[in-house]
Amino acid sequence: MKRERAEVIALGALGWLAANDELWPVFLGSTGAAAEDLRNRAAEPSFQASVLEFLTMDDAWVTSFCDGAGYDYDEPHTAMLVLAGPSRMNWT
């Protein structure tokens, strides 16, 4: 997957989370981010990776996001790995 596609998926996931009244406060609480900071951090690959890492914690979230956005179910995880870089690879 190319980095540009990974970024598009991450930003789509961020929008999906922001539109979800139940998950949005959970996401903000787990990342420690404030809603006001998101505009500044949304372009950062590490923040984009954290969005996707949060999303991929629950299969139901992944399914809902992917079904709505038209992605394959494995794409958010792959995008997270692309954005996080080689330090996040786990070969076990």
PDB file of N, CA and C in Angstrom:
ATOM      1  N   MET A   1       0.837  -1.172   0.000  1.00  0.00           N
ATOM      2  CA  MET A   1       0.000   0.000   0.000  1.00  0.00           C
ATOM      3  C   MET A   1       0.890   1.245   0.000  1.00  0.00           C
ATOM      4  N   LYS A   2       0.535   2.209  -0.823  1.00  0.00           N
ATOM      5  CA  LYS A   2       1.279   3.463  -0.881  1.00  0.00           C
ATOM      6  C   LYS A   2       0.868   4.362   0.287  1.00  0.00           C
ATOM      7  N   ARG A   3       1.798   5.192   0.693  1.00  0.00           N
ATOM      8  CA  ARG A   3       1.587   6.080   1.841  1.00  0.00           C
ATOM      9  C   ARG A   3       0.368   6.990   1.636  1.00  0.00           C
ATOM     10  N   GLU A   4       0.172   7.481   0.426  1.00  0.00           N
ATOM     11  CA  GLU A   4      -0.954   8.369   0.154  1.00  0.00           C
ATOM     12  C   GLU A   4      -2.284   7.679   0.441  1.00  0.00           C
ATOM     13  N   ARG A   5      -2.398   6.425   0.033  1.00  0.00           N
ATOM     14  CA  ARG A   5      -3.640   5.686   0.300  1.00  0.00           C
ATOM     15  C   ARG A   5      -3.806   5.462   1.795  1.00  0.00           C
ATOM     16  N   ALA A   6      -2.707   5.156   2.491  1.00  0.00           N
ATOM     17  CA  ALA A   6      -2.771   4.968   3.942  1.00  0.00           C
ATOM     18  C   ALA A   6      -3.259   6.238   4.624  1.00  0.00           C
ATOM     19  N   GLU A   7      -2.793   7.388   4.158  1.00  0.00           N
ATOM     20  CA  GLU A   7      -3.220   8.665   4.736  1.00  0.00           C
ATOM     21  C   GLU A   7      -4.701   8.909   4.498  1.00  0.00           C
ATOM     22  N   VAL A   8      -5.178   8.584   3.302  1.00  0.00           N
ATOM     23  CA  VAL A   8      -6.600   8.760   2.984  1.00  0.00           C
ATOM     24  C   VAL A   8      -7.457   7.879   3.893  1.00  0.00           C
ATOM     25  N   ILE A   9      -7.027   6.645   4.097  1.00  0.00           N
ATOM     26  CA  ILE A   9      -7.770   5.731   4.971  1.00  0.00           C
ATOM     27  C   ILE A   9      -7.773   6.266   6.390  1.00  0.00           C
ATOM     28  N   ALA A  10      -6.631   6.743   6.874  1.00  0.00           N
ATOM     29  CA  ALA A  10      -6.543   7.265   8.241  1.00  0.00           C
ATOM     30  C   ALA A  10      -7.434   8.489   8.431  1.00  0.00           C
ATOM     31  N   LEU A  11      -7.420   9.394   7.482  1.00  0.00           N
ATOM     32  CA  LEU A  11      -8.256  10.586   7.605  1.00  0.00           C
ATOM     33  C   LEU A  11      -9.740  10.227   7.507  1.00  0.00           C
ATOM     34  N   GLY A  12     -10.048   9.236   6.693  1.00  0.00           N
ATOM     35  CA  GLY A  12     -11.425   8.752   6.640  1.00  0.00           C
ATOM     36  C   GLY A  12     -11.860   8.142   7.962  1.00  0.00           C
ATOM     37  N   ALA A  13     -10.950   7.399   8.573  1.00  0.00           N
ATOM     38  CA  ALA A  13     -11.244   6.796   9.876  1.00  0.00           C
ATOM     39  C   ALA A  13     -11.421   7.865  10.937  1.00  0.00           C
ATOM     40  N   LEU A  14     -10.613   8.915  10.880  1.00  0.00           N
ATOM     41  CA  LEU A  14     -10.750  10.013  11.833  1.00  0.00           C
ATOM     42  C   LEU A  14     -12.117  10.673  11.682  1.00  0.00           C
ATOM     43  N   GLY A  15     -12.533  10.910  10.462  1.00  0.00           N
ATOM     44  CA  GLY A  15     -13.859  11.471  10.214  1.00  0.00           C
ATOM     45  C   GLY A  15     -14.971  10.555  10.691  1.00  0.00           C
ATOM     46  N   TRP A  16     -14.790   9.264  10.470  1.00  0.00           N
ATOM     47  CA  TRP A  16     -15.785   8.286  10.915  1.00  0.00           C
ATOM     48  C   TRP A  16     -15.898   8.292  12.438  1.00  0.00           C
ATOM     49  N   LEU A  17     -14.751   8.341  13.104  1.00  0.00           N
ATOM     50  CA  LEU A  17     -14.762   8.391  14.567  1.00  0.00           C
ATOM     51  C   LEU A  17     -15.416   9.674  15.068  1.00  0.00           C
ATOM     52  N   ALA A  18     -15.084  10.799  14.447  1.00  0.00           N
ATOM     53  CA  ALA A  18     -15.638  12.088  14.879  1.00  0.00           C
ATOM     54  C   ALA A  18     -17.152  12.127  14.732  1.00  0.00           C
ATOM     55  N   ALA A  19     -17.674  11.402  13.758  1.00  0.00           N
ATOM     56  CA  ALA A  19     -19.122  11.370  13.531  1.00  0.00           C
ATOM     57  C   ALA A  19     -19.835  10.368  14.433  1.00  0.00           C
ATOM     58  N   ASN A  20     -19.071   9.570  15.171  1.00  0.00           N
ATOM     59  CA  ASN A  20     -19.653   8.538  16.029  1.00  0.00           C
ATOM     60  C   ASN A  20     -19.721   9.071  17.458  1.00  0.00           C
ATOM     61  N   ASP A  21     -20.923   9.411  17.900  1.00  0.00           N
ATOM     62  CA  ASP A  21     -21.107  10.030  19.213  1.00  0.00           C
ATOM     63  C   ASP A  21     -20.658   9.153  20.374  1.00  0.00           C
ATOM     64  N   GLU A  22     -20.695   7.849  20.204  1.00  0.00           N
ATOM     65  CA  GLU A  22     -20.268   6.947  21.280  1.00  0.00           C
ATOM     66  C   GLU A  22     -18.753   6.760  21.305  1.00  0.00           C
ATOM     67  N   LEU A  23     -18.140   6.609  20.136  1.00  0.00           N
ATOM     68  CA  LEU A  23     -16.703   6.319  20.076  1.00  0.00           C
ATOM     69  C   LEU A  23     -15.816   7.553  20.178  1.00  0.00           C
ATOM     70  N   TRP A  24     -16.302   8.701  19.731  1.00  0.00           N
ATOM     71  CA  TRP A  24     -15.473   9.896  19.712  1.00  0.00           C
ATOM     72  C   TRP A  24     -14.880  10.227  21.080  1.00  0.00           C
ATOM     73  N   PRO A  25     -15.692  10.282  22.148  1.00  0.00           N
ATOM     74  CA  PRO A  25     -15.089  10.582  23.453  1.00  0.00           C
ATOM     75  C   PRO A  25     -14.145   9.481  23.937  1.00  0.00           C
ATOM     76  N   VAL A  26     -14.407   8.249  23.557  1.00  0.00           N
ATOM     77  CA  VAL A  26     -13.518   7.148  23.929  1.00  0.00           C
ATOM     78  C   VAL A  26     -12.174   7.321  23.223  1.00  0.00           C
ATOM     79  N   PHE A  27     -12.221   7.654  21.944  1.00  0.00           N
ATOM     80  CA  PHE A  27     -10.993   7.897  21.191  1.00  0.00           C
ATOM     81  C   PHE A  27     -10.197   9.048  21.802  1.00  0.00           C
ATOM     82  N   LEU A  28     -10.854  10.160  22.067  1.00  0.00           N
ATOM     83  CA  LEU A  28     -10.157  11.306  22.651  1.00  0.00           C
ATOM     84  C   LEU A  28      -9.538  10.940  23.990  1.00  0.00           C
ATOM     85  N   GLY A  29     -10.269  10.204  24.807  1.00  0.00           N
ATOM     86  CA  GLY A  29      -9.749   9.802  26.107  1.00  0.00           C
ATOM     87  C   GLY A  29      -8.572   8.856  26.010  1.00  0.00           C
ATOM     88  N   SER A  30      -8.621   7.955  25.048  1.00  0.00           N
ATOM     89  CA  SER A  30      -7.538   6.969  24.943  1.00  0.00           C
ATOM     90  C   SER A  30      -6.269   7.554  24.341  1.00  0.00           C
ATOM     91  N   THR A  31      -6.409   8.557  23.485  1.00  0.00           N
ATOM     92  CA  THR A  31      -5.228   9.153  22.864  1.00  0.00           C
ATOM     93  C   THR A  31      -4.710  10.352  23.645  1.00  0.00           C
ATOM     94  N   GLY A  32      -5.537  10.912  24.502  1.00  0.00           N
ATOM     95  CA  GLY A  32      -5.145  12.108  25.232  1.00  0.00           C
ATOM     96  C   GLY A  32      -5.229  13.362  24.384  1.00  0.00           C
ATOM     97  N   ALA A  33      -5.776  13.243  23.187  1.00  0.00           N
ATOM     98  CA  ALA A  33      -5.896  14.395  22.288  1.00  0.00           C
ATOM     99  C   ALA A  33      -7.140  15.206  22.651  1.00  0.00           C
ATOM    100  N   ALA A  34      -7.044  16.488  22.436  1.00  0.00           N
ATOM    101  CA  ALA A  34      -8.204  17.359  22.571  1.00  0.00           C
ATOM    102  C   ALA A  34      -8.758  17.614  21.176  1.00  0.00           C
ATOM    103  N   ALA A  35     -10.055  17.770  21.091  1.00  0.00           N
ATOM    104  CA  ALA A  35     -10.686  17.982  19.787  1.00  0.00           C
ATOM    105  C   ALA A  35     -10.054  19.162  19.045  1.00  0.00           C
ATOM    106  N   GLU A  36      -9.639  20.186  19.773  1.00  0.00           N
ATOM    107  CA  GLU A  36      -9.042  21.370  19.157  1.00  0.00           C
ATOM    108  C   GLU A  36      -7.678  21.057  18.519  1.00  0.00           C
ATOM    109  N   ASP A  37      -6.975  20.080  19.050  1.00  0.00           N
ATOM    110  CA  ASP A  37      -5.648  19.737  18.549  1.00  0.00           C
ATOM    111  C   ASP A  37      -5.684  18.914  17.268  1.00  0.00           C
ATOM    112  N   LEU A  38      -6.817  18.349  16.954  1.00  0.00           N
ATOM    113  CA  LEU A  38      -6.876  17.396  15.849  1.00  0.00           C
ATOM    114  C   LEU A  38      -6.551  18.020  14.502  1.00  0.00           C
ATOM    115  N   ARG A  39      -6.955  19.244  14.289  1.00  0.00           N
ATOM    116  CA  ARG A  39      -6.642  19.886  13.006  1.00  0.00           C
ATOM    117  C   ARG A  39      -5.135  19.988  12.807  1.00  0.00           C
ATOM    118  N   ASN A  40      -4.426  20.303  13.868  1.00  0.00           N
ATOM    119  CA  ASN A  40      -2.972  20.443  13.778  1.00  0.00           C
ATOM    120  C   ASN A  40      -2.283  19.096  13.638  1.00  0.00           C
ATOM    121  N   ARG A  41      -2.814  18.073  14.255  1.00  0.00           N
ATOM    122  CA  ARG A  41      -2.144  16.775  14.286  1.00  0.00           C
ATOM    123  C   ARG A  41      -2.614  15.817  13.199  1.00  0.00           C
ATOM    124  N   ALA A  42      -3.713  16.118  12.548  1.00  0.00           N
ATOM    125  CA  ALA A  42      -4.296  15.184  11.576  1.00  0.00           C
ATOM    126  C   ALA A  42      -3.348  14.842  10.434  1.00  0.00           C
ATOM    127  N   ALA A  43      -2.428  15.720  10.106  1.00  0.00           N
ATOM    128  CA  ALA A  43      -1.495  15.460   9.007  1.00  0.00           C
ATOM    129  C   ALA A  43      -0.256  14.679   9.443  1.00  0.00           C
ATOM    130  N   GLU A  44      -0.086  14.467  10.742  1.00  0.00           N
ATOM    131  CA  GLU A  44       1.087  13.755  11.252  1.00  0.00           C
ATOM    132  C   GLU A  44       0.918  12.246  11.071  1.00  0.00           C
ATOM    133  N   PRO A  45       1.869  11.587  10.424  1.00  0.00           N
ATOM    134  CA  PRO A  45       1.761  10.134  10.231  1.00  0.00           C
ATOM    135  C   PRO A  45       1.612   9.361  11.544  1.00  0.00           C
ATOM    136  N   SER A  46       2.293   9.796  12.591  1.00  0.00           N
ATOM    137  CA  SER A  46       2.182   9.076  13.862  1.00  0.00           C
ATOM    138  C   SER A  46       0.779   9.203  14.443  1.00  0.00           C
ATOM    139  N   PHE A  47       0.161  10.358  14.279  1.00  0.00           N
ATOM    140  CA  PHE A  47      -1.203  10.523  14.763  1.00  0.00           C
ATOM    141  C   PHE A  47      -2.174   9.714  13.904  1.00  0.00           C
ATOM    142  N   GLN A  48      -1.961   9.735  12.592  1.00  0.00           N
ATOM    143  CA  GLN A  48      -2.803   8.937  11.704  1.00  0.00           C
ATOM    144  C   GLN A  48      -2.710   7.461  12.058  1.00  0.00           C
ATOM    145  N   ALA A  49      -1.501   7.006  12.366  1.00  0.00           N
ATOM    146  CA  ALA A  49      -1.322   5.607  12.771  1.00  0.00           C
ATOM    147  C   ALA A  49      -2.076   5.328  14.065  1.00  0.00           C
ATOM    148  N   SER A  50      -2.077   6.287  15.001  1.00  0.00           N
ATOM    149  CA  SER A  50      -2.790   6.073  16.265  1.00  0.00           C
ATOM    150  C   SER A  50      -4.300   6.000  16.050  1.00  0.00           C
ATOM    151  N   VAL A  51      -4.803   6.754  15.079  1.00  0.00           N
ATOM    152  CA  VAL A  51      -6.233   6.678  14.739  1.00  0.00           C
ATOM    153  C   VAL A  51      -6.565   5.260  14.278  1.00  0.00           C
ATOM    154  N   LEU A  52      -5.743   4.738  13.392  1.00  0.00           N
ATOM    155  CA  LEU A  52      -5.991   3.398  12.853  1.00  0.00           C
ATOM    156  C   LEU A  52      -5.736   2.314  13.890  1.00  0.00           C
ATOM    157  N   GLU A  53      -4.773   2.538  14.759  1.00  0.00           N
ATOM    158  CA  GLU A  53      -4.539   1.573  15.832  1.00  0.00           C
ATOM    159  C   GLU A  53      -5.763   1.489  16.748  1.00  0.00           C
ATOM    160  N   PHE A  54      -6.346   2.629  17.063  1.00  0.00           N
ATOM    161  CA  PHE A  54      -7.562   2.644  17.874  1.00  0.00           C
ATOM    162  C   PHE A  54      -8.687   1.920  17.148  1.00  0.00           C
ATOM    163  N   LEU A  55      -8.895   2.263  15.891  1.00  0.00           N
ATOM    164  CA  LEU A  55      -9.975   1.646  15.115  1.00  0.00           C
ATOM    165  C   LEU A  55      -9.851   0.133  15.071  1.00  0.00           C
ATOM    166  N   THR A  56      -8.631  -0.360  14.902  1.00  0.00           N
ATOM    167  CA  THR A  56      -8.436  -1.802  14.733  1.00  0.00           C
ATOM    168  C   THR A  56      -8.466  -2.578  16.049  1.00  0.00           C
ATOM    169  N   MET A  57      -8.747  -1.900  17.140  1.00  0.00           N
ATOM    170  CA  MET A  57      -8.887  -2.603  18.422  1.00  0.00           C
ATOM    171  C   MET A  57     -10.168  -3.432  18.480  1.00  0.00           C
ATOM    172  N   ASP A  58     -11.133  -3.133  17.617  1.00  0.00           N
ATOM    173  CA  ASP A  58     -12.417  -3.826  17.674  1.00  0.00           C
ATOM    174  C   ASP A  58     -12.868  -4.180  16.257  1.00  0.00           C
ATOM    175  N   ASP A  59     -13.105  -5.463  16.035  1.00  0.00           N
ATOM    176  CA  ASP A  59     -13.524  -5.918  14.700  1.00  0.00           C
ATOM    177  C   ASP A  59     -14.821  -5.264  14.247  1.00  0.00           C
ATOM    178  N   ALA A  60     -15.738  -5.001  15.166  1.00  0.00           N
ATOM    179  CA  ALA A  60     -17.006  -4.373  14.789  1.00  0.00           C
ATOM    180  C   ALA A  60     -16.782  -2.947  14.280  1.00  0.00           C
ATOM    181  N   TRP A  61     -15.829  -2.239  14.866  1.00  0.00           N
ATOM    182  CA  TRP A  61     -15.517  -0.885  14.397  1.00  0.00           C
ATOM    183  C   TRP A  61     -14.923  -0.945  12.996  1.00  0.00           C
ATOM    184  N   VAL A  62     -13.997  -1.875  12.794  1.00  0.00           N
ATOM    185  CA  VAL A  62     -13.361  -2.031  11.481  1.00  0.00           C
ATOM    186  C   VAL A  62     -14.419  -2.362  10.438  1.00  0.00           C
ATOM    187  N   THR A  63     -15.272  -3.302  10.761  1.00  0.00           N
ATOM    188  CA  THR A  63     -16.321  -3.716   9.823  1.00  0.00           C
ATOM    189  C   THR A  63     -17.232  -2.552   9.477  1.00  0.00           C
ATOM    190  N   SER A  64     -17.664  -1.815  10.479  1.00  0.00           N
ATOM    191  CA  SER A  64     -18.565  -0.688  10.247  1.00  0.00           C
ATOM    192  C   SER A  64     -17.898   0.387   9.392  1.00  0.00           C
ATOM    193  N   PHE A  65     -16.666   0.741   9.737  1.00  0.00           N
ATOM    194  CA  PHE A  65     -15.940   1.751   8.971  1.00  0.00           C
ATOM    195  C   PHE A  65     -15.734   1.293   7.532  1.00  0.00           C
ATOM    196  N   CYS A  66     -15.232   0.094   7.360  1.00  0.00           N
ATOM    197  CA  CYS A  66     -14.929  -0.405   6.016  1.00  0.00           C
ATOM    198  C   CYS A  66     -16.188  -0.570   5.174  1.00  0.00           C
ATOM    199  N   ASP A  67     -17.254  -1.053   5.770  1.00  0.00           N
ATOM    200  CA  ASP A  67     -18.503  -1.198   5.023  1.00  0.00           C
ATOM    201  C   ASP A  67     -19.005   0.153   4.534  1.00  0.00           C
ATOM    202  N   GLY A  68     -18.897   1.163   5.377  1.00  0.00           N
ATOM    203  CA  GLY A  68     -19.354   2.499   5.000  1.00  0.00           C
ATOM    204  C   GLY A  68     -18.454   3.194   3.997  1.00  0.00           C
ATOM    205  N   ALA A  69     -17.154   2.917   4.073  1.00  0.00           N
ATOM    206  CA  ALA A  69     -16.186   3.608   3.220  1.00  0.00           C
ATOM    207  C   ALA A  69     -15.779   2.810   1.984  1.00  0.00           C
ATOM    208  N   GLY A  70     -16.147   1.537   1.947  1.00  0.00           N
ATOM    209  CA  GLY A  70     -15.823   0.716   0.790  1.00  0.00           C
ATOM    210  C   GLY A  70     -14.414   0.136   0.783  1.00  0.00           C
ATOM    211  N   TYR A  71     -13.841  -0.049   1.965  1.00  0.00           N
ATOM    212  CA  TYR A  71     -12.502  -0.638   2.063  1.00  0.00           C
ATOM    213  C   TYR A  71     -12.595  -2.121   2.405  1.00  0.00           C
ATOM    214  N   ASP A  72     -11.557  -2.860   2.025  1.00  0.00           N
ATOM    215  CA  ASP A  72     -11.427  -4.238   2.482  1.00  0.00           C
ATOM    216  C   ASP A  72     -11.105  -4.198   3.971  1.00  0.00           C
ATOM    217  N   TYR A  73     -11.503  -5.229   4.691  1.00  0.00           N
ATOM    218  CA  TYR A  73     -11.349  -5.233   6.143  1.00  0.00           C
ATOM    219  C   TYR A  73      -9.897  -5.197   6.618  1.00  0.00           C
ATOM    220  N   ASP A  74      -8.976  -5.612   5.781  1.00  0.00           N
ATOM    221  CA  ASP A  74      -7.569  -5.598   6.196  1.00  0.00           C
ATOM    222  C   ASP A  74      -6.869  -4.267   5.911  1.00  0.00           C
ATOM    223  N   GLU A  75      -7.499  -3.381   5.177  1.00  0.00           N
ATOM    224  CA  GLU A  75      -6.834  -2.140   4.788  1.00  0.00           C
ATOM    225  C   GLU A  75      -6.517  -1.191   5.945  1.00  0.00           C
ATOM    226  N   PRO A  76      -7.377  -1.017   6.950  1.00  0.00           N
ATOM    227  CA  PRO A  76      -6.987  -0.133   8.050  1.00  0.00           C
ATOM    228  C   PRO A  76      -5.729  -0.604   8.776  1.00  0.00           C
ATOM    229  N   HIS A  77      -5.593  -1.896   8.978  1.00  0.00           N
ATOM    230  CA  HIS A  77      -4.400  -2.416   9.655  1.00  0.00           C
ATOM    231  C   HIS A  77      -3.165  -2.226   8.787  1.00  0.00           C
ATOM    232  N   THR A  78      -3.277  -2.526   7.513  1.00  0.00           N
ATOM    233  CA  THR A  78      -2.157  -2.332   6.604  1.00  0.00           C
ATOM    234  C   THR A  78      -1.756  -0.860   6.555  1.00  0.00           C
ATOM    235  N   ALA A  79      -2.740   0.024   6.487  1.00  0.00           N
ATOM    236  CA  ALA A  79      -2.464   1.458   6.469  1.00  0.00           C
ATOM    237  C   ALA A  79      -1.769   1.900   7.757  1.00  0.00           C
ATOM    238  N   MET A  80      -2.196   1.353   8.878  1.00  0.00           N
ATOM    239  CA  MET A  80      -1.555   1.684  10.150  1.00  0.00           C
ATOM    240  C   MET A  80      -0.084   1.298  10.125  1.00  0.00           C
ATOM    241  N   LEU A  81       0.239   0.137   9.598  1.00  0.00           N
ATOM    242  CA  LEU A  81       1.630  -0.304   9.514  1.00  0.00           C
ATOM    243  C   LEU A  81       2.450   0.585   8.584  1.00  0.00           C
ATOM    244  N   VAL A  82       1.862   0.994   7.484  1.00  0.00           N
ATOM    245  CA  VAL A  82       2.558   1.878   6.549  1.00  0.00           C
ATOM    246  C   VAL A  82       2.873   3.211   7.225  1.00  0.00           C
ATOM    247  N   LEU A  83       1.913   3.764   7.932  1.00  0.00           N
ATOM    248  CA  LEU A  83       2.097   5.067   8.569  1.00  0.00           C
ATOM    249  C   LEU A  83       3.027   5.005   9.774  1.00  0.00           C
ATOM    250  N   ALA A  84       2.996   3.895  10.487  1.00  0.00           N
ATOM    251  CA  ALA A  84       3.819   3.769  11.687  1.00  0.00           C
ATOM    252  C   ALA A  84       5.265   3.465  11.345  1.00  0.00           C
ATOM    253  N   GLY A  85       5.494   2.892  10.190  1.00  0.00           N
ATOM    254  CA  GLY A  85       6.860   2.588   9.779  1.00  0.00           C
ATOM    255  C   GLY A  85       7.329   1.238  10.273  1.00  0.00           C
ATOM    256  N   PRO A  86       8.557   0.906   9.956  1.00  0.00           N
ATOM    257  CA  PRO A  86       9.086  -0.424  10.246  1.00  0.00           C
ATOM    258  C   PRO A  86       9.180  -0.762  11.736  1.00  0.00           C
ATOM    259  N   SER A  87       9.219   0.235  12.593  1.00  0.00           N
ATOM    260  CA  SER A  87       9.315  -0.054  14.032  1.00  0.00           C
ATOM    261  C   SER A  87       8.076  -0.756  14.555  1.00  0.00           C
ATOM    262  N   ARG A  88       6.959  -0.674  13.839  1.00  0.00           N
ATOM    263  CA  ARG A  88       5.713  -1.299  14.294  1.00  0.00           C
ATOM    264  C   ARG A  88       5.524  -2.716  13.766  1.00  0.00           C
ATOM    265  N   MET A  89       6.379  -3.149  12.876  1.00  0.00           N
ATOM    266  CA  MET A  89       6.238  -4.493  12.325  1.00  0.00           C
ATOM    267  C   MET A  89       6.421  -5.529  13.421  1.00  0.00           C
ATOM    268  N   ASN A  90       5.560  -6.515  13.412  1.00  0.00           N
ATOM    269  CA  ASN A  90       5.636  -7.591  14.380  1.00  0.00           C
ATOM    270  C   ASN A  90       5.598  -8.898  13.610  1.00  0.00           C
ATOM    271  N   TRP A  91       6.672  -9.634  13.658  1.00  0.00           N
ATOM    272  CA  TRP A  91       6.783 -10.855  12.852  1.00  0.00           C
ATOM    273  C   TRP A  91       6.454 -12.112  13.620  1.00  0.00           C
ATOM    274  N   THR A  92       5.878 -12.004  14.791  1.00  0.00           N
ATOM    275  CA  THR A  92       5.542 -13.195  15.562  1.00  0.00           C
ATOM    276  C   THR A  92       4.176 -13.700  15.239  1.00  0.00           C
TER     277      THR A  92
END
